[in-house]
Structures are given as structure tokens and as C-alpha cells.
Amino acid sequence: MAAAVALAGCGSTYYFDGRVLPPSGLKNRVVIAIQNPGVLSKGALEIVDAYYDERSGYNGQPGSFSIAGYGGALPITIQNLPEEQFGAVYGAGDGSFTLADYANEKTSGTVSGLPVPSSSVFITRSRAYVFAASQSAHQFTIVNQSAGYSVGLGLPNVYRVSVNPGGSVALAFVQNSPYVYYPRQLSAAQTVAYSGGISTWPKAAVDCEPQSAPTWCLFQMQSPDNSYVDGAGVTEYYGAPLTFDHPIKALFSSDGSTAYILSCGPECGGTTAAYTRIPISPMIFLEGQGSGLLPTTTALATATVAIPGGATNALVDTSTMYVVGQKPQAINGQTLFGGNLTVVNLANNTISSSTAISDGQPGAMSRILEADDNTLWVAMTGCTAGVRYATNPASGYGCLTMYNTSTNKVVLLEPYIGDATGVAAVTGLHKLYAAEGGQVYIYSTVDGSSINNQFVTVTGTAYDVAYIDAITDANNTVY
């Protein structure tokens, strides 16, 4: 008791992993991104107690918990970083990118210098860098928060960004393009050497900014067929552009050495869905830390593995990759798409299994998350556009799939209640929270059964959810 009193006197109570008990006193918190929660607000971040599945405290006091100070409009994504005890919330209504302090349950500022709107935006775990794509502004933006500046690099129709967990590689994807791009920070000598304009830039660079004294360049992935020494004494490589079949996203290996480029293929108007292995070392953006070479065009072909079931999103778990996509099927004289989950053995790059799951809008980004009881959950949007609804609308065609990773079988396809826009695994409690059709639902990871959601429903549109007391950053669908 004396020790407890002493700790209380210090003003902090630690409950696991050195984390401080937050002001709410809750140890299992799910935060909900809510759009239009009231007449005077376009967005809110509400917290619920995921142990008791309640929005309020004991005996109804307080009536609710929230991330205080949030004022973003129409929040659509929560980039969840529980190990670092913060998250980043993007508001589609005003282009805000707000940092949420989990320990103190309040916002800790917004990121400035981003293009509005941003079609894809990510922050590194260190908070040092933010990368954003703006399809309407045709701009790939880098915010260096440590140095306090932002740089916009021109890239027509850029719409997706992927950043590795270590925060050293960022990849940019252009809609309906076969090419992939990456930024690189310049040394002081390179800034001087490249300041003469486009004729002085590296041959693989598509833009360097600011042009009068560039600090960053954006490079196209190219085969290292040729080389030369630039004006700063750095050896630059260039050659034929590396091409993919509508590349859409990158995942990264568990050891951090490899990027897996997902090619959307037929879903995006192409021919073959696939993933391609690329070493990340040549693309590290930190000054002077990149090394090695990109593969040649010949080597690229041997590093590519076709995924007949489609590839728009994936999750890497050590030596296994779960790839989600939409598989084209001929139905009544027209081509429709059906949801598919492909399990890949990364040790030998072979397909282990392929299973039909909930359908989704072709080319749209799904949400994938592992949870308790060997379950993998896939959340789709636009599931009424798929094969199931077209062929038998009276049957189940829900947007949320529960998949068992030990048996490689679908356990449950949830009934249709609207687009599934967010999922959060409440690990240790055998629960999954989901945002479906604008409301919050809870499922058991043991058998997929519904858990009473009466006391977690919200006013407004629930769009994303995140378990902010998760043990690892892997409990995150926005990556």
C-alpha cells in the first residue's frame, strides 16, 4: 500500500510496457473517427472502453470519452502507432492531418505544408517525416518536421504513397501508370551541383525542388544499365524504366530489406496482378544512406510472382503474405469481380492457397488485420458491385470476412450492413471492432458471432476505428 501511495504521489500509474494510465483511466481503448457528430462539428474522435464495450464511465459518469481538441472535418483514416502512443488522423473535409496523443488523450498539433486534398498521407514512427500524394495537385509532398520545411515534387496523377516501418523509404504510385517513384534527400554538394536547372539533374530524376537550390529529388525506378559521376562526385545509375502492371502499393518484408510492389492488374485495367520483390537499399531517402542497385529489367521479371486472385492490398506476417484482391470472372456475358484472398509462402515465393472472400470495388483499397484466435479480417467497400450480389442478391454478400489462418478457410462472411471502412483488433480480449455502414459493430474472434454494440453506437458516421492500447504497431490497417 505504501508503494501504491508513493506512485500515486508521483502523479503517474503504469499499466504495461511503461505506458502511463491515461486520464480516462481506461486500459483497453478503441478510438472511433466520427464524421458529422453534431450540427456544430464535422468530426470527432470518440473513445470507448473496449473491455466493457461502453462509451461512458462507471455509472454513466462521465457520459463519454474523447481525444480532446480534435477539430478536423470528415476524418477518414487513423494511422495507429500504439507503440509510440500516438496516432495521425486525416480529415478529408479540410485536408487536416492531426496528431493524437494517446497517453494524454488530446491532440498534439497538426502537420502543415500538406497539399489539399491529399489522396494518401503517412507519417513515420519517429514523426520526423510526413509524405503525401495529391492527385488533384499532381504533387508528391515531403514534410521534414525536424527541420521545419516542406517540399512539393511534381508528379502528374500521383495518388498513393507507401512508407516502410523504419521510416527510411517512401514510394509514390501514379494512377494508370506502370512506373514507381521514390524521393531522395540531397547533400549540400548535390544541392549546389543540381541548382543549374533540369540539365544538371540526375538522369533518373523527374523533379528536383526547390529548383533554384534543390534539397530533394524524385526518382523513377530505372534499370542500372548505365552510370556516371554527377557534379557532386556521386555515382548515379540510369537505364530503362522498371515497369509494373498498374502498381498500387508496397509492403515490406519482416527484416526490412525488401519491398513487395503490388500490381493491381485486371482490376485497374491491366493484364496480370502480381507482386514484385525490390531491394529497398537503393531507395533509402536519408542523405548518404542509400546503397546498392535496383534490379535490371530482366531480373525484375524473375522477381515477379503472378497472383491470379487479384492484388490491391496485402499483409506480411514473417514468411507469409496474405494478398487481397478482386478476381475477374465471366458472368452472363460480362466481366465481374469476386473478392479473393491468396496466401503466399515468401520463403519460396509460391502460392499456398486461394480462397473466395467478400467482394469489393475493383481497385479500391481494402483493410486487412490479424486478430486473436488465428483470425484474419478483411474489410471491403463497394461489395454490392461484385459477383455475389449480381448472381444472387438474396444470398450473403457482406463486406466483412473472417478468415482462419491455421486452416486457410473462411469462417464467416458477415451479412451486408454497408461498406466496411475500418477494423480494429482488441487483442487479448478476443474481439474485433468494425466500422460498417457508418456505425460501430463488435464481433467475437472465437466464432465470428456479434457482441452487443448497444453502448458503443455513435451519433454521426463512424468511418474508422483503432485499438490504441494495442501491443504493437502491427495493429493498424492504415500503413
Protein backbone atom coordinates (compact mmCIF):
# COMPACT_ATOMS: atom_id res chain seq x y z
CA MET A 1 0.00 0.00 0.00
CA ALA A 2 2.85 2.34 0.81
CA ALA A 3 4.34 1.75 -2.65
CA ALA A 4 0.97 2.43 -4.28
CA VAL A 5 0.62 5.69 -2.36
CA ALA A 6 4.13 6.70 -3.40
CA LEU A 7 3.36 6.04 -7.07
CA ALA A 8 0.11 7.96 -6.81
CA GLY A 9 2.00 10.85 -5.30
CA CYS A 10 4.25 10.94 -8.36
CA GLY A 11 1.16 11.55 -10.49
CA SER A 12 1.58 8.54 -12.79
CA THR A 13 0.35 4.96 -12.82
CA TYR A 14 1.97 2.49 -15.19
CA TYR A 15 -0.04 -0.41 -16.51
CA PHE A 16 2.11 -2.16 -19.14
CA ASP A 17 5.16 -1.58 -21.32
CA GLY A 18 5.96 1.54 -19.34
CA ARG A 19 2.81 3.28 -20.59
CA VAL A 20 1.10 5.78 -18.34
CA LEU A 21 -2.54 5.24 -17.38
CA PRO A 22 -4.44 7.89 -19.40
CA PRO A 23 -6.79 10.50 -17.89
CA SER A 24 -9.84 8.35 -18.65
CA GLY A 25 -8.42 5.50 -16.55
CA LEU A 26 -9.28 3.06 -19.35
CA LYS A 27 -6.81 0.29 -20.19
CA ASN A 28 -8.47 -1.03 -23.35
CA ARG A 29 -9.43 1.88 -25.58
CA VAL A 30 -10.81 1.92 -29.09
CA VAL A 31 -10.93 5.32 -30.76
CA ILE A 32 -13.61 5.99 -33.37
CA ALA A 33 -13.26 8.55 -36.16
CA ILE A 34 -16.73 10.07 -36.48
CA GLN A 35 -17.97 12.29 -39.28
CA ASN A 36 -20.66 14.92 -38.63
CA PRO A 37 -21.28 14.05 -34.96
CA GLY A 38 -23.35 17.20 -34.45
CA VAL A 39 -24.65 20.38 -36.01
CA LEU A 40 -21.59 22.37 -34.90
CA SER A 41 -18.95 19.74 -35.62
CA LYS A 42 -17.84 17.93 -38.77
CA GLY A 43 -15.56 15.49 -36.98
CA ALA A 44 -14.75 13.89 -33.63
CA LEU A 45 -12.50 11.22 -32.13
CA GLU A 46 -14.53 9.35 -29.53
CA ILE A 47 -13.06 6.74 -27.16
CA VAL A 48 -14.90 3.65 -25.94
CA ASP A 49 -13.99 1.19 -23.22
CA ALA A 50 -13.34 -1.98 -25.22
CA TYR A 51 -13.29 -4.17 -22.11
CA TYR A 52 -16.88 -3.39 -21.12
CA ASP A 53 -17.92 -2.16 -24.61
CA GLU A 54 -19.22 1.15 -23.29
CA ARG A 55 -18.86 4.79 -24.28
CA SER A 56 -19.36 6.12 -20.75
CA GLY A 57 -17.64 5.67 -17.41
CA TYR A 58 -18.84 3.83 -14.31
CA ASN A 59 -22.50 4.58 -13.56
CA GLY A 60 -22.60 6.72 -16.69
CA GLN A 61 -20.06 9.27 -15.49
CA PRO A 62 -18.53 10.76 -17.48
CA GLY A 63 -21.02 10.35 -20.29
CA SER A 64 -18.30 9.90 -22.91
CA PHE A 65 -14.55 9.96 -23.54
CA SER A 66 -12.74 11.55 -26.46
CA ILE A 67 -9.45 12.82 -27.87
CA ALA A 68 -9.78 16.39 -26.70
CA GLY A 69 -9.10 19.26 -29.07
CA TYR A 70 -9.86 17.47 -32.33
CA GLY A 71 -11.42 19.78 -34.90
CA GLY A 72 -10.79 18.09 -38.25
CA ALA A 73 -13.57 17.75 -40.79
CA LEU A 74 -14.74 14.34 -42.06
CA PRO A 75 -11.97 12.11 -40.61
CA ILE A 76 -11.47 9.02 -42.78
CA THR A 77 -8.26 7.31 -41.59
CA ILE A 78 -6.47 6.70 -38.31
CA GLN A 79 -2.83 5.76 -38.73
CA ASN A 80 -2.43 3.86 -35.46
CA LEU A 81 1.00 3.79 -33.76
CA PRO A 82 0.33 2.41 -30.27
CA GLU A 83 3.97 1.58 -29.52
CA GLU A 84 4.77 5.28 -29.88
CA GLN A 85 1.48 6.19 -28.12
CA PHE A 86 0.24 8.46 -30.86
CA GLY A 87 -1.86 8.35 -34.00
CA ALA A 88 -2.39 10.51 -37.06
CA VAL A 89 -5.88 11.29 -38.35
CA TYR A 90 -6.61 12.57 -41.83
CA GLY A 91 -9.68 14.74 -42.35
CA ALA A 92 -10.99 14.60 -45.91
CA GLY A 93 -13.22 17.63 -45.39
CA ASP A 94 -10.44 20.12 -44.76
CA GLY A 95 -7.21 18.26 -45.55
CA SER A 96 -6.13 18.31 -41.90
CA PHE A 97 -3.59 15.79 -40.61
CA THR A 98 -3.91 15.80 -36.84
CA LEU A 99 -1.66 14.07 -34.30
CA ALA A 100 -3.43 12.40 -31.38
CA ASP A 101 -1.58 11.95 -28.09
CA TYR A 102 -2.85 8.63 -26.71
CA ALA A 103 -1.24 8.98 -23.27
CA ASN A 104 -2.89 12.33 -22.57
CA GLU A 105 -6.00 11.78 -24.72
CA LYS A 106 -5.68 15.05 -26.56
CA THR A 107 -4.40 16.33 -29.86
CA SER A 108 -0.77 17.39 -30.13
CA GLY A 109 -0.90 19.62 -33.19
CA THR A 110 -1.44 19.32 -36.91
CA VAL A 111 1.00 18.86 -39.78
CA SER A 112 1.28 21.91 -42.01
CA GLY A 113 2.60 22.13 -45.55
CA LEU A 114 0.49 19.30 -47.00
CA PRO A 115 -1.41 19.64 -50.28
CA VAL A 116 -5.19 19.87 -50.00
CA PRO A 117 -6.69 17.46 -50.62
CA SER A 118 -4.23 14.60 -50.12
CA SER A 119 -5.29 11.28 -51.59
CA SER A 120 -2.76 9.40 -49.44
CA VAL A 121 -0.70 10.60 -46.46
CA PHE A 122 1.61 8.89 -43.93
CA ILE A 123 3.83 9.88 -41.03
CA THR A 124 6.97 7.99 -39.94
CA ARG A 125 7.10 6.46 -36.48
CA SER A 126 9.75 8.99 -35.45
CA ARG A 127 7.37 11.82 -36.53
CA ALA A 128 10.33 13.31 -38.41
CA TYR A 129 8.79 12.99 -41.90
CA VAL A 130 5.35 13.09 -43.47
CA PHE A 131 4.75 12.03 -47.09
CA ALA A 132 1.62 12.85 -49.06
CA ALA A 133 0.23 12.36 -52.55
CA SER A 134 -2.24 14.83 -54.04
CA GLN A 135 -3.82 13.56 -57.22
CA SER A 136 -5.60 16.84 -57.93
CA ALA A 137 -2.48 18.96 -57.34
CA HIS A 138 -0.22 16.45 -59.17
CA GLN A 139 2.21 16.74 -56.29
CA PHE A 140 4.21 14.43 -54.05
CA THR A 141 4.95 16.33 -50.84
CA ILE A 142 7.61 15.77 -48.20
CA VAL A 143 7.30 17.49 -44.82
CA ASN A 144 10.52 17.45 -42.81
CA GLN A 145 9.12 18.14 -39.35
CA SER A 146 12.53 18.08 -37.68
CA ALA A 147 13.89 20.82 -39.95
CA GLY A 148 10.56 22.64 -40.25
CA TYR A 149 10.01 22.77 -44.01
CA SER A 150 8.03 21.09 -46.77
CA VAL A 151 8.90 20.36 -50.40
CA GLY A 152 6.44 19.64 -53.20
CA LEU A 153 7.73 17.49 -56.05
CA GLY A 154 5.77 17.48 -59.31
CA LEU A 155 4.31 14.11 -60.32
CA PRO A 156 1.17 14.17 -62.50
CA ASN A 157 -1.69 11.97 -61.22
CA VAL A 158 0.19 10.65 -58.17
CA TYR A 159 -2.39 9.05 -55.87
CA ARG A 160 -0.80 6.59 -53.45
CA VAL A 161 2.13 6.60 -51.02
CA SER A 162 3.74 3.66 -49.20
CA VAL A 163 6.26 4.16 -46.38
CA ASN A 164 8.30 1.39 -44.75
CA PRO A 165 8.02 0.81 -40.97
CA GLY A 166 11.56 2.07 -40.40
CA GLY A 167 10.69 5.40 -42.00
CA SER A 168 13.58 5.37 -44.46
CA VAL A 169 11.82 4.60 -47.77
CA ALA A 170 8.78 6.24 -49.35
CA LEU A 171 7.31 5.09 -52.66
CA ALA A 172 4.91 7.04 -54.86
CA PHE A 173 2.36 5.47 -57.23
CA VAL A 174 0.66 7.11 -60.21
CA GLN A 175 -2.81 6.00 -61.28
CA ASN A 176 -2.90 4.13 -64.59
CA SER A 177 0.88 4.21 -64.86
CA PRO A 178 3.41 1.34 -64.99
CA TYR A 179 6.06 3.29 -63.07
CA VAL A 180 7.05 3.69 -59.40
CA TYR A 181 8.93 6.64 -57.92
CA TYR A 182 10.96 7.35 -54.78
CA PRO A 183 12.40 10.56 -53.22
CA ARG A 184 15.97 11.15 -52.09
CA GLN A 185 17.37 13.84 -49.84
CA LEU A 186 20.36 15.69 -51.31
CA SER A 187 23.69 16.54 -49.76
CA ALA A 188 24.89 20.13 -49.65
CA ALA A 189 27.26 19.40 -52.53
CA GLN A 190 24.43 17.95 -54.62
CA THR A 191 22.25 20.99 -53.91
CA VAL A 192 24.97 23.16 -55.43
CA ALA A 193 25.60 20.78 -58.34
CA TYR A 194 21.89 20.47 -59.28
CA SER A 195 20.99 24.16 -58.88
CA GLY A 196 21.77 24.86 -62.53
CA GLY A 197 18.34 23.56 -63.61
CA ILE A 198 16.96 20.44 -65.22
CA SER A 199 20.05 19.88 -67.35
CA THR A 200 22.12 19.32 -64.18
CA TRP A 201 19.72 16.87 -62.50
CA PRO A 202 20.43 13.12 -62.32
CA LYS A 203 19.13 11.34 -65.42
CA ALA A 204 16.62 9.26 -63.44
CA ALA A 205 15.19 12.32 -61.61
CA VAL A 206 11.75 13.54 -62.70
CA ASP A 207 11.80 16.65 -60.46
CA CYS A 208 14.14 18.38 -58.03
CA GLU A 209 12.90 21.10 -55.68
CA PRO A 210 13.29 23.94 -54.97
CA GLN A 211 14.73 24.28 -58.45
CA SER A 212 16.92 27.24 -57.51
CA ALA A 213 18.66 25.17 -54.82
CA PRO A 214 17.17 21.67 -54.65
CA THR A 215 17.12 19.76 -51.37
CA TRP A 216 15.12 16.74 -52.64
CA CYS A 217 14.78 14.92 -55.96
CA LEU A 218 12.11 12.45 -57.06
CA PHE A 219 13.48 9.46 -58.98
CA GLN A 220 11.85 6.97 -61.31
CA MET A 221 12.77 3.34 -60.68
CA GLN A 222 15.14 2.53 -63.52
CA SER A 223 17.35 -0.37 -64.51
CA PRO A 224 21.02 0.34 -63.62
CA ASP A 225 22.21 -0.20 -67.19
CA ASN A 226 24.38 2.93 -67.27
CA SER A 227 26.24 5.08 -64.76
CA TYR A 228 28.10 8.36 -64.47
CA VAL A 229 29.55 10.58 -61.74
CA ASP A 230 27.46 13.69 -61.09
CA GLY A 231 28.72 17.17 -60.29
CA ALA A 232 28.90 16.34 -56.58
CA GLY A 233 31.03 13.24 -57.14
CA VAL A 234 28.17 10.78 -56.59
CA THR A 235 27.78 7.81 -58.94
CA GLU A 236 24.29 7.87 -60.49
CA TYR A 237 22.67 4.95 -62.31
CA TYR A 238 20.05 5.09 -65.02
CA GLY A 239 18.55 2.99 -67.79
CA ALA A 240 15.23 1.61 -68.97
CA PRO A 241 12.32 2.38 -66.63
CA LEU A 242 11.21 -0.54 -64.48
CA THR A 243 7.61 -1.30 -65.41
CA PHE A 244 4.80 -2.97 -63.47
CA ASP A 245 1.18 -3.80 -64.33
CA HIS A 246 -0.63 -0.88 -62.65
CA PRO A 247 1.40 -0.76 -59.40
CA ILE A 248 -0.75 0.36 -56.49
CA LYS A 249 1.06 -0.21 -53.19
CA ALA A 250 4.17 -1.60 -51.48
CA LEU A 251 4.52 -3.90 -48.49
CA PHE A 252 7.80 -4.58 -46.71
CA SER A 253 9.50 -7.75 -45.52
CA SER A 254 9.80 -8.52 -41.81
CA ASP A 255 13.56 -7.92 -41.88
CA GLY A 256 13.06 -4.59 -43.66
CA SER A 257 15.30 -5.40 -46.62
CA THR A 258 12.68 -5.94 -49.33
CA ALA A 259 9.73 -4.06 -50.76
CA TYR A 260 6.90 -6.06 -52.33
CA ILE A 261 5.33 -3.97 -55.08
CA LEU A 262 1.68 -4.92 -55.67
CA SER A 263 0.44 -4.73 -59.24
CA CYS A 264 -3.31 -4.29 -59.49
CA GLY A 265 -3.57 -5.85 -62.97
CA PRO A 266 -7.12 -6.53 -64.29
CA GLU A 267 -8.86 -4.58 -61.51
CA CYS A 268 -7.15 -1.42 -62.68
CA GLY A 269 -7.41 -2.08 -66.42
CA GLY A 270 -4.27 -4.17 -66.76
CA THR A 271 -3.46 -7.78 -67.54
CA THR A 272 -1.77 -9.58 -64.64
CA ALA A 273 -2.00 -8.99 -60.89
CA ALA A 274 1.28 -9.75 -59.13
CA TYR A 275 3.84 -8.79 -56.53
CA THR A 276 7.47 -7.97 -57.26
CA ARG A 277 10.43 -8.10 -54.89
CA ILE A 278 12.62 -4.99 -54.86
CA PRO A 279 15.58 -4.31 -52.52
CA ILE A 280 14.96 -1.15 -50.51
CA SER A 281 18.62 -0.17 -50.01
CA PRO A 282 18.94 1.85 -53.26
CA MET A 283 15.81 3.84 -52.39
CA ILE A 284 16.61 4.96 -48.83
CA PHE A 285 15.91 8.68 -48.85
CA LEU A 286 18.17 9.75 -45.97
CA GLU A 287 21.23 11.59 -47.20
CA GLY A 288 24.17 9.30 -47.89
CA GLN A 289 22.50 6.14 -46.52
CA GLY A 290 21.27 4.56 -49.75
CA SER A 291 23.41 1.87 -51.33
CA GLY A 292 23.20 -0.98 -53.80
CA LEU A 293 21.38 -1.17 -57.12
CA LEU A 294 17.83 -1.65 -58.34
CA PRO A 295 17.25 -4.81 -60.39
CA THR A 296 17.59 -4.80 -64.17
CA THR A 297 14.51 -5.24 -66.32
CA THR A 298 15.49 -8.89 -66.85
CA ALA A 299 15.91 -9.51 -63.12
CA LEU A 300 12.58 -7.78 -62.48
CA ALA A 301 10.74 -10.42 -64.46
CA THR A 302 12.19 -13.25 -62.37
CA ALA A 303 11.34 -11.35 -59.16
CA THR A 304 7.65 -11.09 -60.11
CA VAL A 305 5.04 -13.60 -58.93
CA ALA A 306 1.60 -13.61 -60.57
CA ILE A 307 -1.46 -13.55 -58.27
CA PRO A 308 -4.49 -14.75 -60.29
CA GLY A 309 -6.88 -13.80 -57.49
CA GLY A 310 -6.01 -10.10 -57.67
CA ALA A 311 -3.69 -7.83 -55.67
CA THR A 312 -4.71 -4.45 -54.28
CA ASN A 313 -3.65 -4.87 -50.66
CA ALA A 314 -1.66 -7.30 -48.54
CA LEU A 315 -0.34 -8.09 -45.09
CA VAL A 316 3.07 -9.60 -44.36
CA ASP A 317 3.47 -11.92 -41.36
CA THR A 318 7.08 -13.15 -41.20
CA SER A 319 7.36 -15.59 -44.15
CA THR A 320 3.69 -15.44 -45.19
CA MET A 321 1.93 -12.76 -47.22
CA TYR A 322 -1.85 -12.52 -47.39
CA VAL A 323 -2.83 -10.82 -50.65
CA VAL A 324 -6.33 -9.42 -51.14
CA GLY A 325 -7.83 -8.53 -54.49
CA GLN A 326 -10.72 -8.99 -56.88
CA LYS A 327 -10.65 -11.89 -59.30
CA PRO A 328 -12.18 -11.30 -62.77
CA GLN A 329 -14.95 -13.73 -63.71
CA ALA A 330 -17.14 -14.06 -66.79
CA ILE A 331 -20.79 -13.84 -65.67
CA ASN A 332 -23.67 -13.71 -68.18
CA GLY A 333 -21.52 -12.27 -70.94
CA GLN A 334 -19.85 -9.60 -68.80
CA THR A 335 -16.76 -9.47 -66.63
CA LEU A 336 -17.43 -9.08 -62.92
CA PHE A 337 -15.07 -9.30 -59.97
CA GLY A 338 -15.15 -11.52 -56.91
CA GLY A 339 -13.19 -10.99 -53.72
CA ASN A 340 -10.21 -13.29 -53.23
CA LEU A 341 -7.54 -13.96 -50.61
CA THR A 342 -4.26 -15.51 -51.78
CA VAL A 343 -1.78 -16.93 -49.27
CA VAL A 344 1.85 -16.74 -50.41
CA ASN A 345 4.87 -18.53 -48.96
CA LEU A 346 7.57 -15.87 -49.16
CA ALA A 347 10.32 -18.37 -48.39
CA ASN A 348 9.93 -19.88 -51.86
CA ASN A 349 7.54 -17.36 -53.47
CA THR A 350 4.81 -19.87 -54.14
CA ILE A 351 1.06 -19.67 -53.69
CA SER A 352 -0.14 -21.82 -50.79
CA SER A 353 -3.89 -21.32 -51.17
CA SER A 354 -6.54 -19.13 -52.79
CA THR A 355 -9.96 -18.53 -51.23
CA ALA A 356 -13.05 -16.55 -52.20
CA ILE A 357 -13.92 -13.79 -49.71
CA SER A 358 -16.23 -10.77 -49.66
CA ASP A 359 -16.37 -8.80 -52.91
CA GLY A 360 -15.28 -5.20 -53.22
CA GLN A 361 -14.97 -2.32 -55.62
CA PRO A 362 -12.22 -3.21 -58.16
CA GLY A 363 -9.04 -1.27 -57.45
CA ALA A 364 -10.31 0.06 -54.12
CA MET A 365 -8.11 -0.30 -51.04
CA SER A 366 -9.36 -2.83 -48.50
CA ARG A 367 -8.48 -3.06 -44.81
CA ILE A 368 -6.64 -6.18 -43.55
CA LEU A 369 -5.88 -7.04 -39.94
CA GLU A 370 -4.82 -10.05 -37.88
CA ALA A 371 -6.64 -10.67 -34.60
CA ASP A 372 -6.89 -13.26 -31.82
CA ASP A 373 -7.68 -16.94 -32.39
CA ASN A 374 -5.69 -17.23 -35.64
CA THR A 375 -8.07 -14.94 -37.46
CA LEU A 376 -7.54 -12.52 -40.32
CA TRP A 377 -10.23 -9.94 -41.06
CA VAL A 378 -10.75 -8.24 -44.42
CA ALA A 379 -12.96 -5.17 -44.75
CA MET A 380 -14.21 -4.16 -48.20
CA THR A 381 -16.11 -1.25 -49.70
CA GLY A 382 -18.45 -1.46 -52.68
CA CYS A 383 -19.29 -5.12 -52.08
CA THR A 384 -22.61 -4.78 -53.92
CA ALA A 385 -20.60 -4.33 -57.14
CA GLY A 386 -19.30 -7.89 -57.05
CA VAL A 387 -20.19 -11.36 -58.30
CA ARG A 388 -22.22 -12.42 -55.25
CA TYR A 389 -24.73 -9.59 -55.46
CA ALA A 390 -25.03 -9.82 -59.24
CA THR A 391 -25.71 -13.55 -59.31
CA ASN A 392 -27.74 -13.98 -56.12
CA PRO A 393 -28.62 -10.76 -54.29
CA ALA A 394 -30.70 -12.67 -51.76
CA SER A 395 -27.63 -14.55 -50.51
CA GLY A 396 -24.89 -13.27 -48.23
CA TYR A 397 -22.73 -10.59 -49.81
CA GLY A 398 -21.44 -8.68 -46.81
CA CYS A 399 -18.30 -6.54 -46.81
CA LEU A 400 -16.50 -8.13 -43.85
CA THR A 401 -14.75 -11.52 -43.95
CA MET A 402 -13.40 -13.57 -41.05
CA TYR A 403 -10.65 -15.98 -42.18
CA ASN A 404 -8.83 -18.63 -40.14
CA THR A 405 -5.08 -18.56 -40.84
CA SER A 406 -4.43 -22.00 -39.36
CA THR A 407 -6.96 -23.79 -41.61
CA ASN A 408 -6.80 -21.33 -44.56
CA LYS A 409 -10.59 -21.20 -44.68
CA VAL A 410 -13.27 -18.53 -44.44
CA VAL A 411 -15.06 -18.88 -41.13
CA LEU A 412 -17.72 -16.27 -41.72
CA LEU A 413 -18.87 -13.76 -44.29
CA GLU A 414 -20.81 -11.15 -42.34
CA PRO A 415 -24.26 -10.09 -43.62
CA TYR A 416 -24.45 -6.87 -45.60
CA ILE A 417 -24.87 -3.78 -43.42
CA GLY A 418 -22.93 -1.32 -45.56
CA ASP A 419 -19.33 -0.61 -46.53
CA ALA A 420 -16.74 -1.88 -44.04
CA THR A 421 -14.42 1.13 -43.74
CA GLY A 422 -12.45 0.25 -40.60
CA VAL A 423 -11.45 -2.66 -38.34
CA ALA A 424 -9.58 -2.81 -35.02
CA ALA A 425 -8.39 -5.98 -33.27
CA VAL A 426 -8.85 -5.78 -29.50
CA THR A 427 -6.11 -8.32 -28.87
CA GLY A 428 -6.24 -10.37 -25.69
CA LEU A 429 -9.98 -9.83 -25.38
CA HIS A 430 -10.94 -11.90 -28.45
CA LYS A 431 -12.87 -9.06 -30.07
CA LEU A 432 -12.88 -7.11 -33.28
CA TYR A 433 -14.40 -3.64 -33.61
CA ALA A 434 -15.60 -2.62 -37.07
CA ALA A 435 -16.98 0.50 -38.72
CA GLU A 436 -19.66 -0.72 -41.12
CA GLY A 437 -22.34 1.29 -42.82
CA GLY A 438 -21.40 4.29 -40.67
CA GLN A 439 -21.90 2.54 -37.32
CA VAL A 440 -19.76 0.58 -34.83
CA TYR A 441 -20.13 -3.20 -34.52
CA ILE A 442 -18.32 -5.77 -32.38
CA TYR A 443 -17.51 -9.37 -33.24
CA SER A 444 -16.06 -12.33 -31.39
CA THR A 445 -12.83 -13.65 -32.88
CA VAL A 446 -13.66 -17.09 -31.45
CA ASP A 447 -16.60 -17.79 -33.76
CA GLY A 448 -17.47 -14.52 -35.51
CA SER A 449 -20.65 -14.01 -33.52
CA SER A 450 -21.94 -10.49 -32.89
CA ILE A 451 -21.34 -8.89 -29.49
CA ASN A 452 -23.87 -6.40 -28.15
CA ASN A 453 -22.97 -2.98 -29.56
CA GLN A 454 -25.80 -1.05 -27.85
CA PHE A 455 -23.49 1.04 -25.70
CA VAL A 456 -20.85 1.86 -28.35
CA THR A 457 -23.08 3.16 -31.15
CA VAL A 458 -22.37 6.75 -32.09
CA THR A 459 -24.19 9.80 -33.38
CA GLY A 460 -22.87 10.66 -36.83
CA THR A 461 -20.96 8.42 -39.24
CA ALA A 462 -18.34 6.08 -37.79
CA TYR A 463 -15.70 5.77 -40.51
CA ASP A 464 -12.58 4.27 -38.93
CA VAL A 465 -11.62 2.56 -35.67
CA ALA A 466 -8.29 1.82 -33.96
CA TYR A 467 -7.26 -0.08 -30.83
CA ILE A 468 -4.93 2.48 -29.33
CA ASP A 469 -3.78 0.25 -26.46
CA ALA A 470 -2.52 -2.49 -28.78
CA ILE A 471 0.85 -4.04 -28.00
CA THR A 472 2.39 -3.41 -31.45
CA ASP A 473 2.11 -1.03 -34.39
CA ALA A 474 1.04 -4.01 -36.49
CA ASN A 475 -2.47 -3.43 -35.10
CA ASN A 476 -3.05 -0.87 -37.81
CA THR A 477 -4.81 -1.00 -41.16
CA VAL A 478 -3.54 2.33 -42.49
CA TYR A 479 0.06 1.65 -43.49
